[in-house]
Amino acid sequence: MKQISPSPTSTHEYLVEMTFSPFATLPSPAELVAFTERFALPTLEALQQLRDAGRIAAGGSALAAGGFIFVARADSPDQLEQMVAGLPSWPRAQTRVVPLGSFASRAATVRQRLAQARARAADAGATTTD
């Protein structure tokens, strides 16, 4: 797997959910061994390496379900795509990605909208009292 180091100035966080469709029929013991050896364990090892490198902030396996959920750090959507597509389970997983904004950024946006709403309310109040 290609090493991708985090950049503290431009890193974005993404919630990544990788899930697997249930088997239509129970897999044979040999199929279960093959899936575990080819996909599950190599993916878990790769995710731990990404966590150790700071590319994953938090995450783990989806308990009582087949899959992995984690918060990935990437400098761009392309870098995230490389990271996720490089995981051994990626070709077999249904993957959902949600870009995450920061709480500070959201608070700044809310404050700006609040100031605009207050200004409109003040203008409306001044208009109705004339």
Foldseek 3Di string as FASTA:
>chain_A
DDDDAADVPQKWKKKKKWFADDDPDDDDPVVVVCCCVQAVVQLVVLVVVCVVRVQWVDWDADPPGGIIITIGIDNDPVRVCCSQVPHRCNVRIDMDMDTDDDPVVVVVVVVVVVVVVVVVVVVVVVVVVD
